[in-house]
Amino acid sequence: MNIFSNEFLFEKVVYFWLLVVFFVCLLLIFIYKKLAIKFKILANPNFRSLHESPIPNGGGVVFSFVFIICVLILWLLDEVSNLIIMLFFYGALVATFFGFLDDLKNISAKKKLIVQILISGWTLYCLDGGLIFGFEKMPEIASLLISIFLLVWIINAYNFMDGIDGLALSGATFFSGLTAFILYLNNGSSELIILLLLLMTCSASLLVFNWPPATIFMGDAGSIFLGYVFGAIILLTIMSNDISISTWLVVFGYFFGDTTMTQIMRVVLVKKWYKAHRSHAYQNLARITNSHSKITMSVTLYHIFWVFPLALWSVFQPEIAAIPAIMAISPGLLIAYKYGPSFSSS
């Protein structure tokens, strides 16, 4: 029997297993942290880091792998479609494996870009070309290139926001929970709702260890996985008309504003703008305040008390959803303009 067809079983069985998944993740992360220290899988202080001592790295491989295995189990139980297994098992597995390999070997930027293009291409293949494929007056190759660029940008943008303790993971926990709620309000895909709740649970488990002061980093194994998964979910929900582009811009308002303005300003102000840096506003503010927790908590409160009501507004009044989208993005743009690369471009 399909558990999604029975509301009582959905609430009792699904939420029970989410709780089980949470504690399994906690246990596995604890074990991984010990192994990372033993085998020296560490993020050592460098010119980009905001830490003074080595920290176990690559913890994202744990919650990513648990998520992927849960997707496989759901598919074997016939609870999710073949499309879901293609996107969130095969694609996510490659993203996680490559991200963890980067945590271990520090892969070159060119190789990382190639893999990001490949997994973005896989997403578009699974979704028959993506959102803008086949638009009138647009060559198919152009639509594919634009779509790949956007997906690669999402992957990198999430990586860019993983620069201080707890920020990227608290964001992932919030984004997945809020998006699941929006899908519920819109009577959206049940299988996506459960995947988002699963993603929220897995992200929250590592956040326990990553909240400032962090005792473990998720590394590229986590950030590339999250960027890939969110990119696929964004395309999937827009194409199915479950969530609008405007609502997604609200949900990722601060992250979108910060990464976009930071990159624009680096192109203008910095000769080698493509090089690794720590000039995001949130990083500069963490240095100014000498506190990761203040910045992460501030962004978390921004999400809860600003983004959440704006997202609901965009859902209930889709005809004017551009207004809450602008309101959600603008503070991130302004903060990045004042405290981003123009404040410190190193």
C-alpha atoms as a PDB file:
ATOM      1  CA  MET A   1       0.000   0.000   0.000  1.00  0.00           C
ATOM      2  CA  ASN A   2       1.272   3.482  -0.879  1.00  0.00           C
ATOM      3  CA  ILE A   3       1.748   5.424   2.348  1.00  0.00           C
ATOM      4  CA  PHE A   4       1.048   8.713   0.569  1.00  0.00           C
ATOM      5  CA  SER A   5      -2.543   7.621  -0.067  1.00  0.00           C
ATOM      6  CA  ASN A   6      -3.343   7.495   3.646  1.00  0.00           C
ATOM      7  CA  GLU A   7      -2.926  10.706   5.637  1.00  0.00           C
ATOM      8  CA  PHE A   8      -2.853   8.941   8.997  1.00  0.00           C
ATOM      9  CA  LEU A   9      -0.108   6.558   7.919  1.00  0.00           C
ATOM     10  CA  PHE A  10       1.772   9.452   6.305  1.00  0.00           C
ATOM     11  CA  GLU A  11       1.888  11.318   9.588  1.00  0.00           C
ATOM     12  CA  LYS A  12       2.615   8.341  11.833  1.00  0.00           C
ATOM     13  CA  VAL A  13       4.968   6.286   9.686  1.00  0.00           C
ATOM     14  CA  VAL A  14       6.813   8.952   7.737  1.00  0.00           C
ATOM     15  CA  TYR A  15       7.496  11.225  10.692  1.00  0.00           C
ATOM     16  CA  PHE A  16       8.647   8.265  12.771  1.00  0.00           C
ATOM     17  CA  TRP A  17      11.173   7.283  10.107  1.00  0.00           C
ATOM     18  CA  LEU A  18      12.346  10.860   9.728  1.00  0.00           C
ATOM     19  CA  LEU A  19      13.137  10.821  13.433  1.00  0.00           C
ATOM     20  CA  VAL A  20      15.002   7.540  12.990  1.00  0.00           C
ATOM     21  CA  VAL A  21      16.950   9.006  10.075  1.00  0.00           C
ATOM     22  CA  PHE A  22      17.886  12.036  12.175  1.00  0.00           C
ATOM     23  CA  PHE A  23      19.418   9.937  14.959  1.00  0.00           C
ATOM     24  CA  VAL A  24      21.108   7.572  12.507  1.00  0.00           C
ATOM     25  CA  CYS A  25      22.720  10.612  10.873  1.00  0.00           C
ATOM     26  CA  LEU A  26      23.855  11.924  14.257  1.00  0.00           C
ATOM     27  CA  LEU A  27      25.498   8.614  15.089  1.00  0.00           C
ATOM     28  CA  LEU A  28      27.193   8.282  11.697  1.00  0.00           C
ATOM     29  CA  ILE A  29      28.441  11.879  11.782  1.00  0.00           C
ATOM     30  CA  PHE A  30      29.897  11.305  15.255  1.00  0.00           C
ATOM     31  CA  ILE A  31      31.717   8.209  13.962  1.00  0.00           C
ATOM     32  CA  TYR A  32      32.852   9.992  10.807  1.00  0.00           C
ATOM     33  CA  LYS A  33      34.265  12.883  12.840  1.00  0.00           C
ATOM     34  CA  LYS A  34      36.458  10.463  14.774  1.00  0.00           C
ATOM     35  CA  LEU A  35      37.633   8.828  11.541  1.00  0.00           C
ATOM     36  CA  ALA A  36      38.295  12.202   9.894  1.00  0.00           C
ATOM     37  CA  ILE A  37      40.585  13.160  12.760  1.00  0.00           C
ATOM     38  CA  LYS A  38      42.331   9.770  12.651  1.00  0.00           C
ATOM     39  CA  PHE A  39      42.919   9.874   8.889  1.00  0.00           C
ATOM     40  CA  LYS A  40      43.579  13.642   8.852  1.00  0.00           C
ATOM     41  CA  ILE A  41      40.626  14.635   6.665  1.00  0.00           C
ATOM     42  CA  LEU A  42      40.896  18.172   7.943  1.00  0.00           C
ATOM     43  CA  ALA A  43      40.266  21.728   6.790  1.00  0.00           C
ATOM     44  CA  ASN A  44      43.514  23.453   7.705  1.00  0.00           C
ATOM     45  CA  PRO A  45      43.617  27.239   8.214  1.00  0.00           C
ATOM     46  CA  ASN A  46      44.508  29.212   5.076  1.00  0.00           C
ATOM     47  CA  PHE A  47      44.014  32.662   3.587  1.00  0.00           C
ATOM     48  CA  ARG A  48      40.314  31.946   2.894  1.00  0.00           C
ATOM     49  CA  SER A  49      39.358  30.329   6.177  1.00  0.00           C
ATOM     50  CA  LEU A  50      37.994  32.070   9.244  1.00  0.00           C
ATOM     51  CA  HIS A  51      39.284  29.437  11.652  1.00  0.00           C
ATOM     52  CA  GLU A  52      42.556  29.223  13.544  1.00  0.00           C
ATOM     53  CA  SER A  53      42.799  25.451  13.976  1.00  0.00           C
ATOM     54  CA  PRO A  54      42.208  22.357  11.807  1.00  0.00           C
ATOM     55  CA  ILE A  55      38.585  21.132  11.704  1.00  0.00           C
ATOM     56  CA  PRO A  56      37.337  17.725  10.464  1.00  0.00           C
ATOM     57  CA  ASN A  57      36.083  18.193   6.920  1.00  0.00           C
ATOM     58  CA  GLY A  58      33.853  16.366   4.445  1.00  0.00           C
ATOM     59  CA  GLY A  59      31.053  15.637   6.924  1.00  0.00           C
ATOM     60  CA  GLY A  60      28.520  16.335   4.199  1.00  0.00           C
ATOM     61  CA  VAL A  61      29.264  12.898   2.766  1.00  0.00           C
ATOM     62  CA  VAL A  62      27.363  11.376   5.699  1.00  0.00           C
ATOM     63  CA  PHE A  63      24.040  13.194   5.462  1.00  0.00           C
ATOM     64  CA  SER A  64      24.217  13.202   1.648  1.00  0.00           C
ATOM     65  CA  PHE A  65      24.777   9.448   1.551  1.00  0.00           C
ATOM     66  CA  VAL A  66      21.974   8.805   4.062  1.00  0.00           C
ATOM     67  CA  PHE A  67      19.625  10.910   1.911  1.00  0.00           C
ATOM     68  CA  ILE A  68      20.638   8.997  -1.223  1.00  0.00           C
ATOM     69  CA  ILE A  69      20.139   5.593   0.434  1.00  0.00           C
ATOM     70  CA  CYS A  70      16.718   6.675   1.711  1.00  0.00           C
ATOM     71  CA  VAL A  71      15.748   7.703  -1.833  1.00  0.00           C
ATOM     72  CA  LEU A  72      16.789   4.244  -3.049  1.00  0.00           C
ATOM     73  CA  ILE A  73      14.733   2.555  -0.311  1.00  0.00           C
ATOM     74  CA  LEU A  74      11.685   4.665  -1.184  1.00  0.00           C
ATOM     75  CA  TRP A  75      12.079   3.689  -4.834  1.00  0.00           C
ATOM     76  CA  LEU A  76      12.410  -0.009  -3.972  1.00  0.00           C
ATOM     77  CA  LEU A  77       9.190   0.321  -1.951  1.00  0.00           C
ATOM     78  CA  ASP A  78       7.561   1.892  -5.024  1.00  0.00           C
ATOM     79  CA  GLU A  79       6.969   5.174  -3.182  1.00  0.00           C
ATOM     80  CA  VAL A  80       8.824   7.424  -5.636  1.00  0.00           C
ATOM     81  CA  SER A  81       9.040   7.484  -9.429  1.00  0.00           C
ATOM     82  CA  ASN A  82      11.867   6.544 -11.763  1.00  0.00           C
ATOM     83  CA  LEU A  83      12.494  10.249 -12.357  1.00  0.00           C
ATOM     84  CA  ILE A  84      13.189  10.735  -8.655  1.00  0.00           C
ATOM     85  CA  ILE A  85      15.673   7.856  -8.579  1.00  0.00           C
ATOM     86  CA  MET A  86      17.438   9.227 -11.662  1.00  0.00           C
ATOM     87  CA  LEU A  87      17.772  12.719 -10.219  1.00  0.00           C
ATOM     88  CA  PHE A  88      18.226  12.101  -6.514  1.00  0.00           C
ATOM     89  CA  PHE A  89      20.021   8.779  -6.465  1.00  0.00           C
ATOM     90  CA  TYR A  90      22.271   8.600  -9.527  1.00  0.00           C
ATOM     91  CA  GLY A  91      22.807  12.342  -9.972  1.00  0.00           C
ATOM     92  CA  ALA A  92      23.110  13.083  -6.269  1.00  0.00           C
ATOM     93  CA  LEU A  93      25.488  10.143  -5.803  1.00  0.00           C
ATOM     94  CA  VAL A  94      27.883  11.536  -8.419  1.00  0.00           C
ATOM     95  CA  ALA A  95      27.657  15.029  -6.882  1.00  0.00           C
ATOM     96  CA  THR A  96      28.413  13.661  -3.406  1.00  0.00           C
ATOM     97  CA  PHE A  97      31.226  11.367  -4.515  1.00  0.00           C
ATOM     98  CA  PHE A  98      32.946  14.082  -6.513  1.00  0.00           C
ATOM     99  CA  GLY A  99      32.500  16.639  -3.723  1.00  0.00           C
ATOM    100  CA  PHE A 100      34.063  14.272  -1.208  1.00  0.00           C
ATOM    101  CA  LEU A 101      36.902  13.533  -3.609  1.00  0.00           C
ATOM    102  CA  ASP A 102      37.501  17.279  -3.781  1.00  0.00           C
ATOM    103  CA  ASP A 103      37.590  17.432   0.026  1.00  0.00           C
ATOM    104  CA  LEU A 104      40.266  14.745  -0.013  1.00  0.00           C
ATOM    105  CA  LYS A 105      42.337  15.783  -3.034  1.00  0.00           C
ATOM    106  CA  ASN A 106      41.552  19.491  -3.644  1.00  0.00           C
ATOM    107  CA  ILE A 107      40.607  19.064  -7.310  1.00  0.00           C
ATOM    108  CA  SER A 108      41.382  21.889  -9.740  1.00  0.00           C
ATOM    109  CA  ALA A 109      38.726  24.455 -10.608  1.00  0.00           C
ATOM    110  CA  LYS A 110      38.623  23.345 -14.265  1.00  0.00           C
ATOM    111  CA  LYS A 111      37.912  19.720 -13.362  1.00  0.00           C
ATOM    112  CA  LYS A 112      35.253  20.799 -10.875  1.00  0.00           C
ATOM    113  CA  LEU A 113      33.584  22.913 -13.545  1.00  0.00           C
ATOM    114  CA  ILE A 114      33.549  19.978 -15.980  1.00  0.00           C
ATOM    115  CA  VAL A 115      31.850  17.706 -13.430  1.00  0.00           C
ATOM    116  CA  GLN A 116      29.364  20.431 -12.518  1.00  0.00           C
ATOM    117  CA  ILE A 117      28.474  20.813 -16.196  1.00  0.00           C
ATOM    118  CA  LEU A 118      28.056  17.040 -16.520  1.00  0.00           C
ATOM    119  CA  ILE A 119      25.713  16.657 -13.545  1.00  0.00           C
ATOM    120  CA  SER A 120      23.773  19.733 -14.688  1.00  0.00           C
ATOM    121  CA  GLY A 121      23.474  18.129 -18.104  1.00  0.00           C
ATOM    122  CA  TRP A 122      22.224  14.954 -16.411  1.00  0.00           C
ATOM    123  CA  THR A 123      19.483  16.995 -14.692  1.00  0.00           C
ATOM    124  CA  LEU A 124      18.394  18.467 -18.022  1.00  0.00           C
ATOM    125  CA  TYR A 125      18.476  15.031 -19.664  1.00  0.00           C
ATOM    126  CA  CYS A 126      16.180  13.660 -16.952  1.00  0.00           C
ATOM    127  CA  LEU A 127      13.847  16.642 -17.364  1.00  0.00           C
ATOM    128  CA  ASP A 128      13.722  16.497 -21.173  1.00  0.00           C
ATOM    129  CA  GLY A 129      15.828  19.608 -21.653  1.00  0.00           C
ATOM    130  CA  GLY A 130      14.601  21.648 -18.734  1.00  0.00           C
ATOM    131  CA  LEU A 131      12.420  24.697 -18.319  1.00  0.00           C
ATOM    132  CA  ILE A 132      13.234  26.775 -21.403  1.00  0.00           C
ATOM    133  CA  PHE A 133      13.964  23.944 -23.849  1.00  0.00           C
ATOM    134  CA  GLY A 134      11.856  24.252 -26.979  1.00  0.00           C
ATOM    135  CA  PHE A 135      10.896  27.909 -26.491  1.00  0.00           C
ATOM    136  CA  GLU A 136       9.859  29.577 -29.726  1.00  0.00           C
ATOM    137  CA  LYS A 137      12.539  31.661 -31.448  1.00  0.00           C
ATOM    138  CA  MET A 138      15.259  30.201 -29.190  1.00  0.00           C
ATOM    139  CA  PRO A 139      17.609  27.584 -30.636  1.00  0.00           C
ATOM    140  CA  GLU A 140      17.622  24.377 -28.619  1.00  0.00           C
ATOM    141  CA  ILE A 141      21.373  24.582 -28.074  1.00  0.00           C
ATOM    142  CA  ALA A 142      20.984  28.095 -26.662  1.00  0.00           C
ATOM    143  CA  SER A 143      18.301  26.980 -24.202  1.00  0.00           C
ATOM    144  CA  LEU A 144      20.465  24.060 -23.087  1.00  0.00           C
ATOM    145  CA  LEU A 145      23.521  26.261 -22.569  1.00  0.00           C
ATOM    146  CA  ILE A 146      21.515  28.817 -20.582  1.00  0.00           C
ATOM    147  CA  SER A 147      19.968  26.072 -18.446  1.00  0.00           C
ATOM    148  CA  ILE A 148      23.347  24.447 -17.769  1.00  0.00           C
ATOM    149  CA  PHE A 149      24.806  27.839 -16.841  1.00  0.00           C
ATOM    150  CA  LEU A 150      21.987  28.462 -14.343  1.00  0.00           C
ATOM    151  CA  LEU A 151      22.321  25.016 -12.752  1.00  0.00           C
ATOM    152  CA  VAL A 152      26.101  25.354 -12.476  1.00  0.00           C
ATOM    153  CA  TRP A 153      25.570  28.790 -10.933  1.00  0.00           C
ATOM    154  CA  ILE A 154      23.207  27.321  -8.316  1.00  0.00           C
ATOM    155  CA  ILE A 155      25.771  24.641  -7.410  1.00  0.00           C
ATOM    156  CA  ASN A 156      28.533  27.214  -7.052  1.00  0.00           C
ATOM    157  CA  ALA A 157      26.316  29.734  -5.280  1.00  0.00           C
ATOM    158  CA  TYR A 158      25.592  27.212  -2.561  1.00  0.00           C
ATOM    159  CA  ASN A 159      29.286  26.489  -2.272  1.00  0.00           C
ATOM    160  CA  PHE A 160      29.974  30.239  -1.995  1.00  0.00           C
ATOM    161  CA  MET A 161      27.636  30.497   1.014  1.00  0.00           C
ATOM    162  CA  ASP A 162      29.470  27.784   2.933  1.00  0.00           C
ATOM    163  CA  GLY A 163      32.036  30.154   4.398  1.00  0.00           C
ATOM    164  CA  ILE A 164      31.169  30.446   8.087  1.00  0.00           C
ATOM    165  CA  ASP A 165      29.865  28.022  10.687  1.00  0.00           C
ATOM    166  CA  GLY A 166      26.270  26.932  10.280  1.00  0.00           C
ATOM    167  CA  LEU A 167      25.204  29.341   7.534  1.00  0.00           C
ATOM    168  CA  ALA A 168      24.816  26.970   4.573  1.00  0.00           C
ATOM    169  CA  LEU A 169      23.346  24.129   6.632  1.00  0.00           C
ATOM    170  CA  SER A 170      20.882  26.304   8.537  1.00  0.00           C
ATOM    171  CA  GLY A 171      19.865  27.664   5.139  1.00  0.00           C
ATOM    172  CA  ALA A 172      19.407  24.154   3.734  1.00  0.00           C
ATOM    173  CA  THR A 173      17.293  23.146   6.723  1.00  0.00           C
ATOM    174  CA  PHE A 174      15.105  26.229   6.341  1.00  0.00           C
ATOM    175  CA  PHE A 175      14.827  26.086   2.528  1.00  0.00           C
ATOM    176  CA  SER A 176      13.823  22.424   2.438  1.00  0.00           C
ATOM    177  CA  GLY A 177      11.305  22.779   5.274  1.00  0.00           C
ATOM    178  CA  LEU A 178       9.748  25.924   3.821  1.00  0.00           C
ATOM    179  CA  THR A 179       9.578  24.437   0.335  1.00  0.00           C
ATOM    180  CA  ALA A 180       7.891  21.291   1.656  1.00  0.00           C
ATOM    181  CA  PHE A 181       5.303  23.512   3.368  1.00  0.00           C
ATOM    182  CA  ILE A 182       4.739  25.509   0.168  1.00  0.00           C
ATOM    183  CA  LEU A 183       4.224  22.295  -1.808  1.00  0.00           C
ATOM    184  CA  TYR A 184       1.722  21.171   0.813  1.00  0.00           C
ATOM    185  CA  LEU A 185      -0.176  24.465   0.489  1.00  0.00           C
ATOM    186  CA  ASN A 186      -0.181  24.134  -3.306  1.00  0.00           C
ATOM    187  CA  ASN A 187      -1.231  20.464  -3.209  1.00  0.00           C
ATOM    188  CA  GLY A 188       2.057  19.700  -4.894  1.00  0.00           C
ATOM    189  CA  SER A 189       3.913  16.444  -5.406  1.00  0.00           C
ATOM    190  CA  SER A 190       3.732  14.163  -2.356  1.00  0.00           C
ATOM    191  CA  GLU A 191       6.972  12.445  -3.256  1.00  0.00           C
ATOM    192  CA  LEU A 192       8.779  15.780  -3.400  1.00  0.00           C
ATOM    193  CA  ILE A 193       7.322  16.776  -0.038  1.00  0.00           C
ATOM    194  CA  ILE A 194       8.751  13.677   1.594  1.00  0.00           C
ATOM    195  CA  LEU A 195      12.115  14.179  -0.154  1.00  0.00           C
ATOM    196  CA  LEU A 196      12.280  17.765   1.108  1.00  0.00           C
ATOM    197  CA  LEU A 197      11.403  16.676   4.644  1.00  0.00           C
ATOM    198  CA  LEU A 198      14.119  14.038   4.356  1.00  0.00           C
ATOM    199  CA  LEU A 199      16.582  16.672   3.141  1.00  0.00           C
ATOM    200  CA  MET A 200      15.611  18.953   6.031  1.00  0.00           C
ATOM    201  CA  THR A 201      16.165  16.122   8.505  1.00  0.00           C
ATOM    202  CA  CYS A 202      19.557  15.155   7.088  1.00  0.00           C
ATOM    203  CA  SER A 203      20.741  18.784   6.942  1.00  0.00           C
ATOM    204  CA  ALA A 204      19.605  19.439  10.510  1.00  0.00           C
ATOM    205  CA  SER A 205      21.575  16.436  11.765  1.00  0.00           C
ATOM    206  CA  LEU A 206      24.907  17.860  10.572  1.00  0.00           C
ATOM    207  CA  LEU A 207      23.870  21.342  11.688  1.00  0.00           C
ATOM    208  CA  VAL A 208      24.010  20.026  15.270  1.00  0.00           C
ATOM    209  CA  PHE A 209      27.786  19.675  14.804  1.00  0.00           C
ATOM    210  CA  ASN A 210      28.248  22.583  12.386  1.00  0.00           C
ATOM    211  CA  TRP A 211      26.469  25.289  14.393  1.00  0.00           C
ATOM    212  CA  PRO A 212      29.058  27.787  15.660  1.00  0.00           C
ATOM    213  CA  PRO A 213      31.514  26.969  16.974  1.00  0.00           C
ATOM    214  CA  ALA A 214      31.614  24.175  14.387  1.00  0.00           C
ATOM    215  CA  THR A 215      33.324  20.894  15.250  1.00  0.00           C
ATOM    216  CA  ILE A 216      33.004  19.568  11.694  1.00  0.00           C
ATOM    217  CA  PHE A 217      32.568  21.065   8.200  1.00  0.00           C
ATOM    218  CA  MET A 218      30.343  19.586   5.508  1.00  0.00           C
ATOM    219  CA  GLY A 219      32.882  20.426   2.782  1.00  0.00           C
ATOM    220  CA  ASP A 220      32.192  20.118  -0.940  1.00  0.00           C
ATOM    221  CA  ALA A 221      30.639  16.697  -0.332  1.00  0.00           C
ATOM    222  CA  GLY A 222      27.769  18.590   1.261  1.00  0.00           C
ATOM    223  CA  SER A 223      27.711  21.883  -0.615  1.00  0.00           C
ATOM    224  CA  ILE A 224      27.904  20.403  -4.135  1.00  0.00           C
ATOM    225  CA  PHE A 225      25.254  17.846  -3.156  1.00  0.00           C
ATOM    226  CA  LEU A 226      22.945  20.559  -1.799  1.00  0.00           C
ATOM    227  CA  GLY A 227      23.485  22.823  -4.806  1.00  0.00           C
ATOM    228  CA  TYR A 228      22.745  19.964  -7.188  1.00  0.00           C
ATOM    229  CA  VAL A 229      19.647  18.774  -5.294  1.00  0.00           C
ATOM    230  CA  PHE A 230      18.160  22.252  -4.906  1.00  0.00           C
ATOM    231  CA  GLY A 231      18.831  23.012  -8.568  1.00  0.00           C
ATOM    232  CA  ALA A 232      17.011  19.840  -9.634  1.00  0.00           C
ATOM    233  CA  ILE A 233      14.089  20.518  -7.282  1.00  0.00           C
ATOM    234  CA  ILE A 234      13.789  24.106  -8.495  1.00  0.00           C
ATOM    235  CA  LEU A 235      13.541  22.991 -12.127  1.00  0.00           C
ATOM    236  CA  LEU A 236      11.215  20.118 -11.318  1.00  0.00           C
ATOM    237  CA  THR A 237       8.735  22.235  -9.332  1.00  0.00           C
ATOM    238  CA  ILE A 238       8.719  25.117 -11.816  1.00  0.00           C
ATOM    239  CA  MET A 239       8.121  22.772 -14.737  1.00  0.00           C
ATOM    240  CA  SER A 240       5.238  21.096 -12.878  1.00  0.00           C
ATOM    241  CA  ASN A 241       3.799  24.499 -11.844  1.00  0.00           C
ATOM    242  CA  ASP A 242       4.011  23.518  -8.175  1.00  0.00           C
ATOM    243  CA  ILE A 243       6.243  26.466  -7.207  1.00  0.00           C
ATOM    244  CA  SER A 244       6.779  29.641  -9.231  1.00  0.00           C
ATOM    245  CA  ILE A 245      10.092  31.245 -10.133  1.00  0.00           C
ATOM    246  CA  SER A 246       9.137  34.258  -8.007  1.00  0.00           C
ATOM    247  CA  THR A 247       8.531  32.110  -4.939  1.00  0.00           C
ATOM    248  CA  TRP A 248      11.894  30.392  -5.401  1.00  0.00           C
ATOM    249  CA  LEU A 249      13.550  33.815  -5.588  1.00  0.00           C
ATOM    250  CA  VAL A 250      11.893  34.640  -2.271  1.00  0.00           C
ATOM    251  CA  VAL A 251      13.012  31.392  -0.643  1.00  0.00           C
ATOM    252  CA  PHE A 252      16.642  31.899  -1.684  1.00  0.00           C
ATOM    253  CA  GLY A 253      16.403  35.694  -1.376  1.00  0.00           C
ATOM    254  CA  TYR A 254      19.398  36.355   0.859  1.00  0.00           C
ATOM    255  CA  PHE A 255      21.651  33.733  -0.737  1.00  0.00           C
ATOM    256  CA  PHE A 256      20.734  34.961  -4.231  1.00  0.00           C
ATOM    257  CA  GLY A 257      21.280  38.616  -3.321  1.00  0.00           C
ATOM    258  CA  ASP A 258      24.637  38.027  -1.633  1.00  0.00           C
ATOM    259  CA  THR A 259      26.175  35.760  -4.270  1.00  0.00           C
ATOM    260  CA  THR A 260      24.928  37.814  -7.227  1.00  0.00           C
ATOM    261  CA  MET A 261      26.080  41.199  -5.931  1.00  0.00           C
ATOM    262  CA  THR A 262      29.377  39.774  -4.677  1.00  0.00           C
ATOM    263  CA  GLN A 263      30.194  38.249  -8.048  1.00  0.00           C
ATOM    264  CA  ILE A 264      29.220  41.394  -9.970  1.00  0.00           C
ATOM    265  CA  MET A 265      31.378  43.571  -7.718  1.00  0.00           C
ATOM    266  CA  ARG A 266      34.344  41.235  -7.956  1.00  0.00           C
ATOM    267  CA  VAL A 267      34.179  41.377 -11.756  1.00  0.00           C
ATOM    268  CA  VAL A 268      34.242  45.181 -11.521  1.00  0.00           C
ATOM    269  CA  LEU A 269      36.776  45.609  -8.700  1.00  0.00           C
ATOM    270  CA  VAL A 270      39.109  42.607  -8.835  1.00  0.00           C
ATOM    271  CA  LYS A 271      41.361  41.721 -11.755  1.00  0.00           C
ATOM    272  CA  LYS A 272      41.373  37.978 -11.030  1.00  0.00           C
ATOM    273  CA  TRP A 273      37.738  37.909  -9.923  1.00  0.00           C
ATOM    274  CA  TYR A 274      37.432  34.158 -10.529  1.00  0.00           C
ATOM    275  CA  LYS A 275      40.013  33.254  -7.884  1.00  0.00           C
ATOM    276  CA  ALA A 276      39.048  31.842  -4.480  1.00  0.00           C
ATOM    277  CA  HIS A 277      38.260  34.548  -1.933  1.00  0.00           C
ATOM    278  CA  ARG A 278      36.527  35.379   1.334  1.00  0.00           C
ATOM    279  CA  SER A 279      34.957  38.708   0.413  1.00  0.00           C
ATOM    280  CA  HIS A 280      31.276  37.865   0.824  1.00  0.00           C
ATOM    281  CA  ALA A 281      29.480  40.274   3.134  1.00  0.00           C
ATOM    282  CA  TYR A 282      28.717  37.554   5.670  1.00  0.00           C
ATOM    283  CA  GLN A 283      32.433  36.656   5.820  1.00  0.00           C
ATOM    284  CA  ASN A 284      33.531  40.262   6.261  1.00  0.00           C
ATOM    285  CA  LEU A 285      30.869  40.795   8.920  1.00  0.00           C
ATOM    286  CA  ALA A 286      32.009  37.648  10.738  1.00  0.00           C
ATOM    287  CA  ARG A 287      35.505  39.136  10.866  1.00  0.00           C
ATOM    288  CA  ILE A 288      34.230  42.547  11.969  1.00  0.00           C
ATOM    289  CA  THR A 289      32.138  41.096  14.791  1.00  0.00           C
ATOM    290  CA  ASN A 290      34.615  38.293  15.501  1.00  0.00           C
ATOM    291  CA  SER A 291      31.595  36.000  15.660  1.00  0.00           C
ATOM    292  CA  HIS A 292      30.203  33.342  13.360  1.00  0.00           C
ATOM    293  CA  SER A 293      27.189  32.775  15.590  1.00  0.00           C
ATOM    294  CA  LYS A 294      25.966  36.387  15.384  1.00  0.00           C
ATOM    295  CA  ILE A 295      25.971  36.367  11.588  1.00  0.00           C
ATOM    296  CA  THR A 296      24.484  32.893  11.214  1.00  0.00           C
ATOM    297  CA  MET A 297      21.783  33.672  13.763  1.00  0.00           C
ATOM    298  CA  SER A 298      21.027  37.000  12.056  1.00  0.00           C
ATOM    299  CA  VAL A 299      20.550  35.297   8.678  1.00  0.00           C
ATOM    300  CA  THR A 300      18.445  32.576  10.327  1.00  0.00           C
ATOM    301  CA  LEU A 301      16.167  35.196  11.912  1.00  0.00           C
ATOM    302  CA  TYR A 302      16.002  36.969   8.539  1.00  0.00           C
ATOM    303  CA  HIS A 303      14.784  33.748   6.978  1.00  0.00           C
ATOM    304  CA  ILE A 304      12.187  33.075   9.662  1.00  0.00           C
ATOM    305  CA  PHE A 305      10.735  36.563  10.132  1.00  0.00           C
ATOM    306  CA  TRP A 306      11.229  38.072   6.661  1.00  0.00           C
ATOM    307  CA  VAL A 307      11.543  35.357   4.011  1.00  0.00           C
ATOM    308  CA  PHE A 308       8.889  33.032   5.467  1.00  0.00           C
ATOM    309  CA  PRO A 309       5.986  35.548   5.385  1.00  0.00           C
ATOM    310  CA  LEU A 310       7.124  36.877   1.997  1.00  0.00           C
ATOM    311  CA  ALA A 311       7.119  33.331   0.616  1.00  0.00           C
ATOM    312  CA  LEU A 312       3.564  32.804   1.836  1.00  0.00           C
ATOM    313  CA  TRP A 313       2.557  36.124   0.264  1.00  0.00           C
ATOM    314  CA  SER A 314       3.990  35.011  -3.074  1.00  0.00           C
ATOM    315  CA  VAL A 315       2.019  31.752  -2.839  1.00  0.00           C
ATOM    316  CA  PHE A 316      -1.326  33.284  -1.892  1.00  0.00           C
ATOM    317  CA  GLN A 317      -1.060  36.197  -4.331  1.00  0.00           C
ATOM    318  CA  PRO A 318       0.923  34.818  -7.280  1.00  0.00           C
ATOM    319  CA  GLU A 319      -0.200  37.667  -9.548  1.00  0.00           C
ATOM    320  CA  ILE A 320       2.019  40.092  -7.592  1.00  0.00           C
ATOM    321  CA  ALA A 321       4.684  37.580  -6.500  1.00  0.00           C
ATOM    322  CA  ALA A 322       7.405  39.754  -8.062  1.00  0.00           C
ATOM    323  CA  ILE A 323       6.950  42.248  -5.204  1.00  0.00           C
ATOM    324  CA  PRO A 324       7.829  39.845  -2.354  1.00  0.00           C
ATOM    325  CA  ALA A 325      10.652  38.483  -4.527  1.00  0.00           C
ATOM    326  CA  ILE A 326      12.195  41.950  -4.785  1.00  0.00           C
ATOM    327  CA  MET A 327      11.655  42.520  -1.058  1.00  0.00           C
ATOM    328  CA  ALA A 328      13.378  39.231  -0.206  1.00  0.00           C
ATOM    329  CA  ILE A 329      16.391  39.814  -2.458  1.00  0.00           C
ATOM    330  CA  SER A 330      17.008  43.539  -1.876  1.00  0.00           C
ATOM    331  CA  PRO A 331      18.472  43.354   1.673  1.00  0.00           C
ATOM    332  CA  GLY A 332      21.030  40.765   0.531  1.00  0.00           C
ATOM    333  CA  LEU A 333      21.994  42.951  -2.422  1.00  0.00           C
ATOM    334  CA  LEU A 334      22.397  46.036  -0.238  1.00  0.00           C
ATOM    335  CA  ILE A 335      24.384  44.265   2.477  1.00  0.00           C
ATOM    336  CA  ALA A 336      26.678  42.679  -0.121  1.00  0.00           C
ATOM    337  CA  TYR A 337      27.130  46.071  -1.806  1.00  0.00           C
ATOM    338  CA  LYS A 338      28.207  47.719   1.462  1.00  0.00           C
ATOM    339  CA  TYR A 339      30.125  44.931   3.192  1.00  0.00           C
ATOM    340  CA  GLY A 340      31.149  42.703   0.268  1.00  0.00           C
ATOM    341  CA  PRO A 341      34.143  43.119  -2.075  1.00  0.00           C
ATOM    342  CA  SER A 342      34.102  46.924  -1.811  1.00  0.00           C
ATOM    343  CA  PHE A 343      34.750  46.526   1.939  1.00  0.00           C
ATOM    344  CA  SER A 344      37.334  43.786   1.546  1.00  0.00           C
ATOM    345  CA  SER A 345      38.052  42.028  -1.734  1.00  0.00           C
ATOM    346  CA  SER A 346      40.642  39.542  -0.441  1.00  0.00           C
END
